[in-house]
């Protein structure tokens, strides 16, 4: 119980107006009935005591006023302006049970519901940086005034927030019809749609909805970098999360485990898939929506970042009749886009292509795609075994994760199938050691592996605001070029414009390392030589590291040196 209420009850007891038995009876009644309408048991007890003793609220306030030498205030006669209400935040008003009455110069008048809370008084004085002239009123009246004034203010803010959201011109494939939407839900639906629309307009790859302690943060990942957006009011968090989960067709009731779903979005004639992932956190469910734009799959190889020499090598590898081709790199390095683009190049009517993925990110016409479902026994290895009975020419395995999947993929490649897959390694030659570490015999790796491609993504200089600049001596040293050689280079940087969000970058390109297995390297793999020797031999035979490929793109004015240095290492 708060100190002011205890003070009043002690006074009642001393004057013989209240006994311990009666107080215990009132407390028991309150606890049996649950919280009062205002959700405050202390207030419910005090209201019960006043009802039992017949003491009017006004007399209690006059008693406190006299005892504490504070002016009493009748809040029913107070009609504060918005300016006065804004003297205190809603958070401070509720926390310290304080209601502002006005301010003059360095002094502010505040009526307290719990005037004996000295810590609250001191904290508020510090926060405001003003001298407080305290007043007193009945605690129930103070809490009611706070709810009414700040509730109305929050409603106005909410109205302003939703008023700034434009009309939708996108369709969300969640099966909800307009007539099924209540008036209460409509603003939330409109807001979620606007978030998706804004993300698409900014060419974002991900939408992040993150519940924090005091705010609900919305961020977009654009060209690999997170950008903060206007945060919605914290109180809308449950509604926004529920709406997003409903659109993704996942359980609204389940909040304890991660969930995965999909949202189909149509903007004009353009159809975009959103892969939705939820993750329970201490402050609510965090949601990430991965935007999967099918148009990115139809990009030509130059648009991915290949220069003509690397493109020629890449096309030769993917056109092979059998063997394994691996694309390596960390999460978010563009491996899936590269593989899908390769499949698009070789997707002809005379070829049967089957993929097994977890999850199926892009649905591609003319390709048979299989979704991994471990809960029913449809693992990578089980799906791969069944796929081979379908007589495919080309097989794509989303990722080689274990020995069983690796062995089946290798056996498939040895029986006349071309197998595409991904692997998590830092560079291309390391894919050999990774397979051997999994338990694959070296002679099987040497017989099946045709090539490995390692890649990273760097931001491209915005074409709208790019301009040439003169490279510094330090930059030339890092790039390993002389001033004479630099004269023929095209050093560019972006100045920042509306199209690129003042970042100077728009879009991303890949930097690549292509490790081709020829007869010499095949023999070295067969004899299980070290990865250091493999890499040395590959470099002797013309393999370019990702950093070197990045430097070529700096000299060509595609990206900046900082971008390349950020995603590659000198040892490569």
Protein backbone atom coordinates (compact mmCIF):
# COMPACT_ATOMS: atom_id res chain seq x y z
CA UNK A 1 0.00 0.00 0.00
CA UNK A 2 1.29 3.48 -0.83
CA UNK A 3 2.48 5.79 2.02
CA UNK A 4 -0.39 8.30 1.69
CA UNK A 5 -3.10 5.64 1.97
CA UNK A 6 -1.33 4.13 4.99
CA UNK A 7 -1.17 7.58 6.60
CA UNK A 8 -4.94 8.10 6.10
CA UNK A 9 -5.85 4.65 7.41
CA UNK A 10 -3.67 5.11 10.52
CA UNK A 11 -5.48 8.41 11.19
CA UNK A 12 -8.85 6.65 10.86
CA UNK A 13 -7.73 3.98 13.34
CA UNK A 14 -6.44 6.55 15.86
CA UNK A 15 -9.75 8.41 15.74
CA UNK A 16 -11.63 5.16 16.29
CA UNK A 17 -13.35 5.36 12.90
CA UNK A 18 -11.77 2.11 11.64
CA UNK A 19 -10.78 -1.16 13.29
CA UNK A 20 -8.28 -3.76 12.10
CA UNK A 21 -11.13 -6.28 11.74
CA UNK A 22 -13.15 -4.02 9.47
CA UNK A 23 -10.04 -3.16 7.38
CA UNK A 24 -9.19 -6.86 7.02
CA UNK A 25 -12.77 -7.53 5.91
CA UNK A 26 -12.57 -4.76 3.24
CA UNK A 27 -9.21 -6.04 1.95
CA UNK A 28 -10.60 -9.59 1.75
CA UNK A 29 -13.60 -8.38 -0.27
CA UNK A 30 -11.37 -6.49 -2.69
CA UNK A 31 -9.07 -9.49 -3.20
CA UNK A 32 -12.01 -11.84 -3.77
CA UNK A 33 -13.52 -9.51 -6.37
CA UNK A 34 -10.25 -8.85 -8.18
CA UNK A 35 -8.95 -5.51 -9.37
CA UNK A 36 -11.25 -2.53 -9.53
CA UNK A 37 -12.17 -0.83 -12.79
CA UNK A 38 -9.08 1.34 -12.62
CA UNK A 39 -6.94 -1.72 -11.92
CA UNK A 40 -5.69 -0.49 -8.54
CA UNK A 41 -6.33 -2.55 -5.38
CA UNK A 42 -5.07 0.19 -3.04
CA UNK A 43 -7.67 2.58 -4.44
CA UNK A 44 -10.36 -0.08 -4.19
CA UNK A 45 -9.51 -0.59 -0.50
CA UNK A 46 -9.59 3.17 0.19
CA UNK A 47 -12.95 3.51 -1.61
CA UNK A 48 -14.25 0.63 0.52
CA UNK A 49 -13.05 2.32 3.74
CA UNK A 50 -14.72 5.63 2.79
CA UNK A 51 -17.95 3.79 2.06
CA UNK A 52 -17.80 1.95 5.39
CA UNK A 53 -16.97 5.02 7.50
CA UNK A 54 -19.19 7.41 5.55
CA UNK A 55 -16.27 9.83 5.17
CA UNK A 56 -16.59 12.08 2.04
CA UNK A 57 -13.59 12.32 -0.33
CA UNK A 58 -13.45 16.07 0.21
CA UNK A 59 -12.83 15.70 3.94
CA UNK A 60 -9.98 13.27 3.31
CA UNK A 61 -8.40 15.77 0.93
CA UNK A 62 -8.87 18.63 3.45
CA UNK A 63 -7.24 16.46 6.13
CA UNK A 64 -4.21 15.80 3.89
CA UNK A 65 -4.06 19.48 2.92
CA UNK A 66 -3.95 20.53 6.56
CA UNK A 67 -1.47 17.87 7.64
CA UNK A 68 0.91 18.43 4.76
CA UNK A 69 0.47 22.18 4.32
CA UNK A 70 -0.56 21.80 0.67
CA UNK A 71 -3.42 23.45 -1.20
CA UNK A 72 -6.33 21.11 -1.96
CA UNK A 73 -7.58 20.91 -5.56
CA UNK A 74 -10.97 19.83 -6.87
CA UNK A 75 -10.03 18.25 -10.19
CA UNK A 76 -13.64 18.19 -11.39
CA UNK A 77 -13.34 21.96 -11.76
CA UNK A 78 -10.08 21.77 -13.72
CA UNK A 79 -10.14 21.82 -17.53
CA UNK A 80 -6.50 21.71 -18.64
CA UNK A 81 -5.36 22.76 -22.11
CA UNK A 82 -3.23 20.54 -24.34
CA UNK A 83 -0.28 22.81 -23.61
CA UNK A 84 -0.64 22.12 -19.88
CA UNK A 85 -1.06 18.37 -20.39
CA UNK A 86 2.15 18.32 -22.42
CA UNK A 87 4.10 19.64 -19.41
CA UNK A 88 4.26 16.00 -18.27
CA UNK A 89 4.58 12.89 -20.42
CA UNK A 90 1.90 10.23 -20.03
CA UNK A 91 4.58 7.87 -18.69
CA UNK A 92 5.66 10.27 -15.92
CA UNK A 93 2.08 11.23 -15.04
CA UNK A 94 1.08 7.59 -14.50
CA UNK A 95 4.30 6.53 -12.81
CA UNK A 96 4.31 9.36 -10.24
CA UNK A 97 0.50 9.80 -10.03
CA UNK A 98 0.96 13.46 -10.91
CA UNK A 99 -1.28 15.81 -12.87
CA UNK A 100 -0.03 19.20 -14.15
CA UNK A 101 -2.03 22.35 -13.48
CA UNK A 102 0.24 24.94 -15.12
CA UNK A 103 3.69 26.49 -15.16
CA UNK A 104 5.17 29.94 -14.68
CA UNK A 105 8.85 30.50 -15.38
CA UNK A 106 10.91 27.98 -13.42
CA UNK A 107 7.93 26.76 -11.35
CA UNK A 108 5.34 24.13 -12.21
CA UNK A 109 2.13 23.36 -10.31
CA UNK A 110 1.40 19.65 -9.95
CA UNK A 111 -1.34 17.88 -8.03
CA UNK A 112 -0.26 14.57 -6.49
CA UNK A 113 -2.40 11.54 -5.73
CA UNK A 114 0.31 10.21 -3.41
CA UNK A 115 1.94 13.33 -1.90
CA UNK A 116 3.92 11.31 0.68
CA UNK A 117 5.90 9.58 -2.08
CA UNK A 118 9.08 11.61 -1.51
CA UNK A 119 11.16 9.55 -4.00
CA UNK A 120 8.60 10.19 -6.75
CA UNK A 121 8.59 13.92 -5.93
CA UNK A 122 12.42 14.09 -6.06
CA UNK A 123 12.62 12.11 -9.31
CA UNK A 124 10.05 14.32 -11.00
CA UNK A 125 11.83 17.47 -9.84
CA UNK A 126 15.05 16.15 -11.40
CA UNK A 127 13.36 15.10 -14.64
CA UNK A 128 11.54 18.40 -15.11
CA UNK A 129 14.37 20.62 -14.01
CA UNK A 130 11.82 22.94 -12.37
CA UNK A 131 10.67 23.84 -8.87
CA UNK A 132 7.46 21.96 -8.12
CA UNK A 133 4.60 23.68 -6.30
CA UNK A 134 2.75 20.58 -5.01
CA UNK A 135 -1.02 20.35 -4.56
CA UNK A 136 -3.13 17.51 -3.20
CA UNK A 137 -6.33 15.81 -4.38
CA UNK A 138 -8.06 12.52 -3.76
CA UNK A 139 -5.96 9.79 -5.36
CA UNK A 140 -8.89 8.31 -7.29
CA UNK A 141 -9.61 11.72 -8.82
CA UNK A 142 -5.97 12.18 -9.85
CA UNK A 143 -5.83 8.76 -11.55
CA UNK A 144 -9.14 9.40 -13.31
CA UNK A 145 -7.95 12.83 -14.53
CA UNK A 146 -4.72 11.27 -15.84
CA UNK A 147 -6.63 8.54 -17.70
CA UNK A 148 -9.04 11.03 -19.25
CA UNK A 149 -6.49 13.70 -20.26
CA UNK A 150 -3.65 11.48 -21.47
CA UNK A 151 -5.98 8.90 -22.99
CA UNK A 152 -7.51 11.65 -25.14
CA UNK A 153 -4.04 12.95 -26.04
CA UNK A 154 -2.91 9.47 -27.07
CA UNK A 155 -6.06 9.03 -29.12
CA UNK A 156 -5.25 12.28 -30.95
CA UNK A 157 -1.70 11.11 -31.60
CA UNK A 158 -3.07 7.80 -32.85
CA UNK A 159 -5.43 9.64 -35.18
CA UNK A 160 -2.57 11.80 -36.49
CA UNK A 161 -0.43 8.68 -36.93
CA UNK A 162 -3.02 6.84 -38.99
CA UNK A 163 -3.98 10.04 -40.81
CA UNK A 164 -0.50 10.17 -42.33
CA UNK A 165 -0.89 6.76 -43.94
CA UNK A 166 -1.85 6.94 -47.61
CA UNK A 167 -4.40 4.82 -49.40
CA UNK A 168 -3.30 1.34 -50.35
CA UNK A 169 -2.76 0.26 -53.90
CA UNK A 170 -1.50 -3.19 -53.05
CA UNK A 171 -3.32 -6.48 -52.66
CA UNK A 172 -2.45 -8.86 -49.84
CA UNK A 173 -3.27 -12.48 -50.44
CA UNK A 174 -4.41 -13.32 -46.90
CA UNK A 175 -7.94 -14.24 -47.82
CA UNK A 176 -9.50 -11.43 -45.76
CA UNK A 177 -12.39 -9.72 -47.55
CA UNK A 178 -13.17 -6.02 -46.97
CA UNK A 179 -16.62 -6.84 -45.60
CA UNK A 180 -15.01 -9.08 -42.96
CA UNK A 181 -12.85 -6.26 -41.61
CA UNK A 182 -14.15 -4.40 -38.56
CA UNK A 183 -13.87 -0.64 -38.24
CA UNK A 184 -11.47 -1.17 -35.34
CA UNK A 185 -9.13 -3.40 -37.39
CA UNK A 186 -9.13 -1.28 -40.55
CA UNK A 187 -6.44 1.25 -39.42
CA UNK A 188 -4.09 -1.58 -38.37
CA UNK A 189 -4.56 -3.34 -41.71
CA UNK A 190 -3.96 -0.07 -43.52
CA UNK A 191 -0.77 0.53 -41.52
CA UNK A 192 0.70 -2.95 -42.14
CA UNK A 193 -0.07 -2.62 -45.84
CA UNK A 194 1.65 0.78 -45.91
CA UNK A 195 4.78 -0.68 -44.25
CA UNK A 196 5.00 -3.37 -46.93
CA UNK A 197 4.35 -0.80 -49.67
CA UNK A 198 7.09 1.54 -48.33
CA UNK A 199 9.55 -1.37 -48.13
CA UNK A 200 8.87 -2.30 -51.75
CA UNK A 201 9.30 1.29 -52.89
CA UNK A 202 12.65 1.47 -51.09
CA UNK A 203 13.75 -1.83 -52.67
CA UNK A 204 14.20 -3.34 -49.21
CA UNK A 205 15.17 -7.00 -48.89
CA UNK A 206 13.80 -7.40 -45.36
CA UNK A 207 11.25 -5.79 -43.05
CA UNK A 208 12.13 -6.01 -39.34
CA UNK A 209 9.47 -5.51 -36.65
CA UNK A 210 11.23 -5.53 -33.29
CA UNK A 211 9.52 -5.21 -29.89
CA UNK A 212 11.80 -3.36 -27.48
CA UNK A 213 11.16 -2.37 -23.87
CA UNK A 214 9.77 1.09 -24.58
CA UNK A 215 9.12 1.11 -28.31
CA UNK A 216 8.15 -1.00 -31.27
CA UNK A 217 10.90 -0.54 -33.85
CA UNK A 218 10.42 -0.87 -37.61
CA UNK A 219 13.52 -1.20 -39.80
CA UNK A 220 14.10 -1.96 -43.49
CA UNK A 221 17.23 -3.63 -44.85
CA UNK A 222 18.16 -1.74 -48.01
CA UNK A 223 21.28 -2.80 -49.94
CA UNK A 224 22.42 -4.81 -46.94
CA UNK A 225 22.12 -1.94 -44.42
CA UNK A 226 19.33 -1.48 -41.88
CA UNK A 227 17.43 1.81 -41.98
CA UNK A 228 15.11 2.90 -39.19
CA UNK A 229 11.57 3.96 -40.10
CA UNK A 230 8.95 5.86 -38.12
CA UNK A 231 8.02 3.72 -35.14
CA UNK A 232 4.32 3.07 -34.51
CA UNK A 233 2.97 3.69 -30.97
CA UNK A 234 4.05 0.95 -28.58
CA UNK A 235 0.43 0.18 -27.66
CA UNK A 236 -0.22 -0.93 -31.27
CA UNK A 237 2.42 -3.65 -31.05
CA UNK A 238 0.07 -6.59 -30.27
CA UNK A 239 -2.37 -5.55 -33.02
CA UNK A 240 0.34 -5.13 -35.66
CA UNK A 241 1.96 -8.46 -34.79
CA UNK A 242 -1.41 -10.25 -34.82
CA UNK A 243 -2.33 -8.72 -38.17
CA UNK A 244 1.00 -9.73 -39.71
CA UNK A 245 0.68 -13.29 -38.38
CA UNK A 246 -2.86 -13.51 -39.76
CA UNK A 247 -1.62 -12.41 -43.20
CA UNK A 248 1.15 -15.03 -43.01
CA UNK A 249 -1.41 -17.71 -42.10
CA UNK A 250 0.30 -18.77 -38.86
CA UNK A 251 -1.25 -19.43 -35.47
CA UNK A 252 -2.21 -16.29 -33.54
CA UNK A 253 -2.47 -18.25 -30.28
CA UNK A 254 1.06 -19.68 -30.43
CA UNK A 255 3.52 -17.13 -29.03
CA UNK A 256 6.05 -19.43 -27.36
CA UNK A 257 7.87 -20.91 -30.37
CA UNK A 258 9.20 -19.53 -33.69
CA UNK A 259 6.80 -19.74 -36.62
CA UNK A 260 7.22 -19.49 -40.39
CA UNK A 261 4.71 -18.34 -42.97
CA UNK A 262 4.33 -16.61 -46.34
CA UNK A 263 2.47 -13.57 -47.62
CA UNK A 264 1.57 -13.05 -51.26
CA UNK A 265 1.61 -9.39 -52.35
CA UNK A 266 0.42 -7.96 -55.65
CA UNK A 267 1.48 -4.45 -56.64
CA UNK A 268 -0.14 -3.61 -59.98
CA UNK A 269 0.80 -6.53 -62.20
CA UNK A 270 3.83 -7.43 -60.09
CA UNK A 271 3.58 -10.39 -57.68
CA UNK A 272 5.98 -10.55 -54.72
CA UNK A 273 6.33 -13.18 -52.00
CA UNK A 274 7.18 -12.36 -48.42
CA UNK A 275 8.70 -15.09 -46.26
CA UNK A 276 7.68 -14.40 -42.66
CA UNK A 277 9.58 -15.56 -39.58
CA UNK A 278 8.48 -14.92 -35.97
CA UNK A 279 10.73 -15.23 -32.92
CA UNK A 280 9.54 -14.91 -29.29
CA UNK A 281 11.54 -12.31 -27.33
CA UNK A 282 11.25 -10.95 -23.79
CA UNK A 283 9.20 -7.96 -25.02
CA UNK A 284 7.00 -9.76 -27.55
CA UNK A 285 7.33 -11.53 -30.89
CA UNK A 286 9.95 -10.22 -33.30
CA UNK A 287 8.95 -10.51 -36.96
CA UNK A 288 11.17 -10.49 -40.04
CA UNK A 289 9.65 -10.47 -43.52
CA UNK A 290 12.06 -11.44 -46.31
CA UNK A 291 10.95 -9.86 -49.59
CA UNK A 292 11.38 -12.30 -52.46
CA UNK A 293 11.14 -10.47 -55.77
CA UNK A 294 10.99 -12.94 -58.67
CA UNK A 295 12.25 -10.27 -61.06
CA UNK A 296 15.69 -10.51 -59.47
CA UNK A 297 15.91 -14.10 -60.75
CA UNK A 298 15.54 -13.10 -64.35
CA UNK A 299 18.54 -10.81 -64.14
CA UNK A 300 21.31 -11.50 -66.57
CA UNK A 301 24.69 -12.61 -65.28
CA UNK A 302 26.27 -9.15 -65.84
CA UNK A 303 23.58 -7.65 -63.56
CA UNK A 304 24.68 -10.06 -60.83
CA UNK A 305 28.16 -8.53 -61.05
CA UNK A 306 30.01 -10.89 -63.40
CA UNK A 307 32.60 -9.39 -65.69
CA UNK A 308 32.84 -11.02 -69.12
CA UNK A 309 35.75 -13.38 -68.24
CA UNK A 310 34.11 -14.70 -65.06
CA UNK A 311 30.76 -14.91 -66.85
CA UNK A 312 32.27 -17.07 -69.57
CA UNK A 313 33.77 -19.44 -66.97
CA UNK A 314 30.49 -19.55 -65.05
CA UNK A 315 28.47 -20.38 -68.18
CA UNK A 316 30.89 -23.17 -69.09
CA UNK A 317 30.53 -24.73 -65.61
CA UNK A 318 26.71 -24.66 -65.45
CA UNK A 319 26.49 -26.13 -68.95
CA UNK A 320 28.39 -29.29 -67.94
CA UNK A 321 26.41 -32.55 -68.23
CA UNK A 322 27.29 -33.91 -64.80
CA UNK A 323 29.17 -33.19 -61.58
CA UNK A 324 28.66 -30.87 -58.63
CA UNK A 325 28.74 -27.08 -58.70
CA UNK A 326 28.84 -25.38 -55.29
CA UNK A 327 28.10 -21.77 -54.39
CA UNK A 328 29.59 -20.78 -51.03
CA UNK A 329 29.32 -17.81 -48.71
CA UNK A 330 27.67 -16.65 -45.49
CA UNK A 331 23.94 -16.03 -45.02
CA UNK A 332 22.74 -13.08 -47.10
CA UNK A 333 25.57 -13.21 -49.63
CA UNK A 334 23.27 -13.84 -52.60
CA UNK A 335 23.91 -17.59 -53.05
CA UNK A 336 20.27 -18.44 -53.78
CA UNK A 337 19.90 -15.61 -56.32
CA UNK A 338 23.02 -16.77 -58.16
CA UNK A 339 21.83 -20.39 -58.28
CA UNK A 340 18.34 -19.47 -59.42
CA UNK A 341 19.79 -17.19 -62.10
CA UNK A 342 21.96 -20.11 -63.26
CA UNK A 343 18.90 -22.38 -63.40
CA UNK A 344 17.06 -19.76 -65.44
CA UNK A 345 19.91 -19.72 -67.96
CA UNK A 346 19.79 -23.51 -68.45
CA UNK A 347 16.01 -23.95 -67.97
CA UNK A 348 15.09 -25.30 -71.43
CA UNK A 349 12.12 -27.46 -72.53
CA UNK A 350 14.44 -30.43 -73.20
CA UNK A 351 15.78 -30.49 -69.62
CA UNK A 352 14.10 -31.62 -66.43
CA UNK A 353 15.12 -29.63 -63.34
CA UNK A 354 14.14 -30.57 -59.78
CA UNK A 355 15.04 -28.60 -56.66
CA UNK A 356 14.79 -29.51 -52.97
CA UNK A 357 14.82 -26.52 -50.66
CA UNK A 358 14.17 -25.46 -47.07
CA UNK A 359 12.20 -23.34 -47.57
CA UNK A 360 11.26 -22.87 -51.24
CA UNK A 361 12.15 -19.19 -51.58
CA UNK A 362 11.15 -18.52 -55.18
CA UNK A 363 8.59 -20.36 -57.27
CA UNK A 364 9.98 -20.65 -60.80
CA UNK A 365 7.97 -21.68 -63.85
CA UNK A 366 9.17 -24.86 -65.56
CA UNK A 367 11.04 -26.17 -62.52
CA UNK A 368 9.82 -28.90 -60.14
CA UNK A 369 10.39 -27.63 -56.59
CA UNK A 370 10.22 -29.75 -53.44
CA UNK A 371 9.76 -28.35 -49.92
CA UNK A 372 11.70 -30.01 -47.09
CA UNK A 373 9.41 -31.08 -44.22
CA UNK A 374 11.47 -32.76 -41.52
CA UNK A 375 8.44 -33.28 -39.28
CA UNK A 376 7.01 -35.83 -41.75
CA UNK A 377 10.35 -37.34 -42.73
CA UNK A 378 10.85 -35.28 -45.91
CA UNK A 379 14.48 -34.41 -45.26
CA UNK A 380 17.05 -33.27 -47.83
CA UNK A 381 18.38 -36.80 -48.14
CA UNK A 382 14.93 -38.44 -48.39
CA UNK A 383 13.77 -35.91 -50.99
CA UNK A 384 16.99 -36.31 -52.96
CA UNK A 385 16.61 -40.11 -53.12
CA UNK A 386 13.07 -39.77 -54.46
CA UNK A 387 14.07 -37.04 -56.91
CA UNK A 388 16.56 -39.31 -58.65
CA UNK A 389 13.73 -41.72 -59.52
CA UNK A 390 12.11 -38.82 -61.42
CA UNK A 391 14.92 -38.93 -64.00
CA UNK A 392 16.02 -35.27 -63.78
CA UNK A 393 18.84 -33.80 -65.83
CA UNK A 394 19.66 -31.14 -63.24
CA UNK A 395 19.19 -31.27 -59.47
CA UNK A 396 19.47 -28.34 -57.07
CA UNK A 397 19.89 -29.05 -53.36
CA UNK A 398 19.25 -25.94 -51.23
CA UNK A 399 22.17 -26.72 -48.94
CA UNK A 400 24.48 -29.64 -48.24
CA UNK A 401 24.26 -29.87 -44.45
CA UNK A 402 25.34 -33.41 -43.56
CA UNK A 403 27.21 -36.48 -44.80
CA UNK A 404 24.09 -38.33 -45.97
CA UNK A 405 22.95 -35.45 -48.20
CA UNK A 406 26.51 -34.96 -49.49
CA UNK A 407 26.91 -38.65 -50.41
CA UNK A 408 23.58 -38.82 -52.24
CA UNK A 409 24.39 -35.59 -54.13
CA UNK A 410 27.80 -36.98 -55.11
CA UNK A 411 26.34 -40.32 -56.22
CA UNK A 412 23.79 -38.40 -58.29
CA UNK A 413 26.56 -36.43 -59.96
CA UNK A 414 28.47 -39.64 -60.71
CA UNK A 415 25.44 -41.18 -62.42
CA UNK A 416 25.00 -38.47 -65.00
CA UNK A 417 23.23 -35.67 -63.14
CA UNK A 418 24.35 -32.08 -62.77
CA UNK A 419 23.97 -31.09 -59.13
CA UNK A 420 23.84 -27.49 -57.90
CA UNK A 421 24.04 -26.70 -54.19
CA UNK A 422 25.29 -24.27 -51.53
CA UNK A 423 27.79 -24.67 -48.74
CA UNK A 424 28.87 -22.44 -45.87
CA UNK A 425 32.60 -21.77 -46.32
CA UNK A 426 34.67 -18.60 -46.37
CA UNK A 427 36.20 -19.14 -49.80
CA UNK A 428 35.84 -21.41 -52.81
CA UNK A 429 38.73 -23.92 -52.33
CA UNK A 430 37.58 -24.50 -48.72
CA UNK A 431 34.51 -26.30 -50.08
CA UNK A 432 36.80 -29.28 -50.69
CA UNK A 433 37.94 -29.50 -47.08
CA UNK A 434 34.38 -28.89 -45.88
CA UNK A 435 33.09 -31.93 -47.80
CA UNK A 436 35.99 -34.07 -46.55
CA UNK A 437 35.39 -32.89 -42.98
CA UNK A 438 31.77 -34.04 -43.34
CA UNK A 439 33.09 -37.55 -44.05
CA UNK A 440 33.08 -37.67 -47.86
CA UNK A 441 36.02 -39.67 -49.22
CA UNK A 442 38.59 -37.53 -51.08
CA UNK A 443 38.39 -39.69 -54.22
CA UNK A 444 34.62 -39.06 -54.41
CA UNK A 445 35.14 -35.28 -54.04
CA UNK A 446 37.80 -35.30 -56.79
CA UNK A 447 35.57 -37.31 -59.12
CA UNK A 448 32.42 -35.25 -58.64
CA UNK A 449 33.33 -31.60 -57.90
CA UNK A 450 33.46 -29.50 -61.06
CA UNK A 451 33.74 -26.01 -59.59
CA UNK A 452 33.01 -23.88 -56.53
CA UNK A 453 32.00 -20.23 -56.55
CA UNK A 454 32.51 -18.05 -53.46
CA UNK A 455 30.78 -14.68 -53.36
CA UNK A 456 30.02 -11.60 -51.30
CA UNK A 457 27.77 -8.63 -52.02
CA UNK A 458 28.99 -5.03 -52.22
CA UNK A 459 26.84 -1.95 -52.64
CA UNK A 460 26.82 -0.40 -56.12
CA UNK A 461 27.43 3.31 -56.57
CA UNK A 462 24.18 5.12 -57.37
CA UNK A 463 24.04 5.81 -61.11
CA UNK A 464 22.02 8.98 -60.56
CA UNK A 465 24.48 10.81 -58.31
CA UNK A 466 27.83 9.19 -59.05
CA UNK A 467 30.74 11.42 -59.86
CA UNK A 468 34.45 10.83 -60.47
CA UNK A 469 37.08 11.57 -57.87
CA UNK A 470 40.85 11.33 -57.58
CA UNK A 471 42.03 8.37 -55.51
CA UNK A 472 44.44 9.04 -52.66
CA UNK A 473 47.92 7.59 -52.49
CA UNK A 474 46.85 5.21 -49.73
CA UNK A 475 43.95 3.92 -51.85
CA UNK A 476 46.30 3.30 -54.78
CA UNK A 477 48.69 1.39 -52.50
CA UNK A 478 45.88 -0.85 -51.25
CA UNK A 479 44.68 -1.46 -54.81
CA UNK A 480 48.24 -2.14 -55.94
CA UNK A 481 48.17 0.25 -58.90
CA UNK A 482 50.55 3.01 -59.92
CA UNK A 483 49.52 6.59 -60.66
CA UNK A 484 50.00 5.90 -64.37
CA UNK A 485 47.68 2.89 -64.19
CA UNK A 486 45.20 4.89 -62.13
CA UNK A 487 44.86 7.44 -64.91
CA UNK A 488 42.95 4.88 -66.98
CA UNK A 489 40.72 3.83 -64.05
CA UNK A 490 37.25 5.21 -63.28
CA UNK A 491 37.18 6.04 -59.59
CA UNK A 492 33.61 6.93 -58.64
CA UNK A 493 31.60 7.74 -55.55
CA UNK A 494 27.98 8.68 -54.89
CA UNK A 495 27.19 12.13 -53.54
CA UNK A 496 23.74 11.07 -52.29
CA UNK A 497 20.36 11.84 -53.84
CA UNK A 498 16.66 11.13 -53.44
CA UNK A 499 16.82 7.92 -55.46
CA UNK A 500 19.42 6.31 -53.18
CA UNK A 501 18.15 7.77 -49.91
CA UNK A 502 21.24 10.02 -49.68
CA UNK A 503 23.41 6.96 -49.19
CA UNK A 504 25.34 7.25 -52.47
CA UNK A 505 24.58 3.58 -53.19
CA UNK A 506 21.74 1.87 -55.01
CA UNK A 507 21.59 -1.89 -55.48
CA UNK A 508 24.27 -4.53 -54.91
CA UNK A 509 26.68 -6.51 -57.06
CA UNK A 510 28.60 -9.66 -56.34
CA UNK A 511 32.35 -10.08 -56.00
CA UNK A 512 33.36 -13.60 -56.97
CA UNK A 513 36.02 -16.25 -56.65
CA UNK A 514 35.68 -19.16 -59.11
CA UNK A 515 37.56 -22.35 -58.23
CA UNK A 516 37.54 -24.64 -61.28
CA UNK A 517 38.59 -28.26 -60.78
CA UNK A 518 40.82 -29.33 -63.66
CA UNK A 519 42.85 -32.52 -63.96
CA UNK A 520 45.77 -31.27 -61.84
CA UNK A 521 43.56 -30.05 -59.00
CA UNK A 522 41.51 -33.25 -59.23
CA UNK A 523 44.65 -35.28 -58.56
CA UNK A 524 45.57 -33.05 -55.62
CA UNK A 525 42.11 -33.52 -54.10
CA UNK A 526 42.41 -37.30 -54.66
CA UNK A 527 45.65 -37.32 -52.63
CA UNK A 528 44.02 -35.11 -49.94
CA UNK A 529 46.55 -32.28 -50.07
CA UNK A 530 46.11 -29.31 -47.74
CA UNK A 531 43.73 -26.48 -48.58
CA UNK A 532 46.72 -24.10 -48.59
CA UNK A 533 48.34 -26.06 -51.44
CA UNK A 534 45.04 -26.29 -53.29
CA UNK A 535 44.57 -22.57 -53.09
CA UNK A 536 48.15 -21.87 -54.16
CA UNK A 537 47.74 -24.11 -57.18
CA UNK A 538 44.42 -22.52 -58.12
CA UNK A 539 45.99 -19.04 -57.91
CA UNK A 540 48.86 -20.21 -60.16
CA UNK A 541 46.27 -21.36 -62.69
CA UNK A 542 44.58 -17.99 -62.77
CA UNK A 543 41.99 -18.03 -59.96
CA UNK A 544 41.16 -14.53 -58.81
CA UNK A 545 40.30 -13.88 -55.14
CA UNK A 546 37.14 -12.07 -54.12
CA UNK A 547 39.20 -9.10 -52.98
CA UNK A 548 40.98 -8.93 -56.34
CA UNK A 549 37.65 -9.14 -58.16
CA UNK A 550 36.38 -6.37 -55.90
CA UNK A 551 39.40 -4.21 -56.74
CA UNK A 552 38.58 -4.65 -60.45
CA UNK A 553 35.10 -3.32 -59.75
CA UNK A 554 36.51 -0.35 -57.82
CA UNK A 555 38.73 0.55 -60.80
CA UNK A 556 35.72 0.19 -63.12
CA UNK A 557 33.65 2.60 -61.01
CA UNK A 558 31.11 -0.06 -59.92
CA UNK A 559 31.69 0.20 -56.16
CA UNK A 560 34.01 1.81 -53.63
CA UNK A 561 37.18 0.56 -51.99
CA UNK A 562 35.61 0.74 -48.51
CA UNK A 563 32.80 -1.58 -49.61
CA UNK A 564 35.24 -4.20 -50.91
CA UNK A 565 37.49 -4.02 -47.84
CA UNK A 566 34.42 -4.42 -45.62
CA UNK A 567 33.32 -7.78 -47.07
CA UNK A 568 36.61 -9.42 -48.09
CA UNK A 569 39.83 -10.35 -46.32
CA UNK A 570 43.43 -9.88 -47.38
CA UNK A 571 44.19 -13.60 -47.05
CA UNK A 572 41.77 -14.45 -49.81
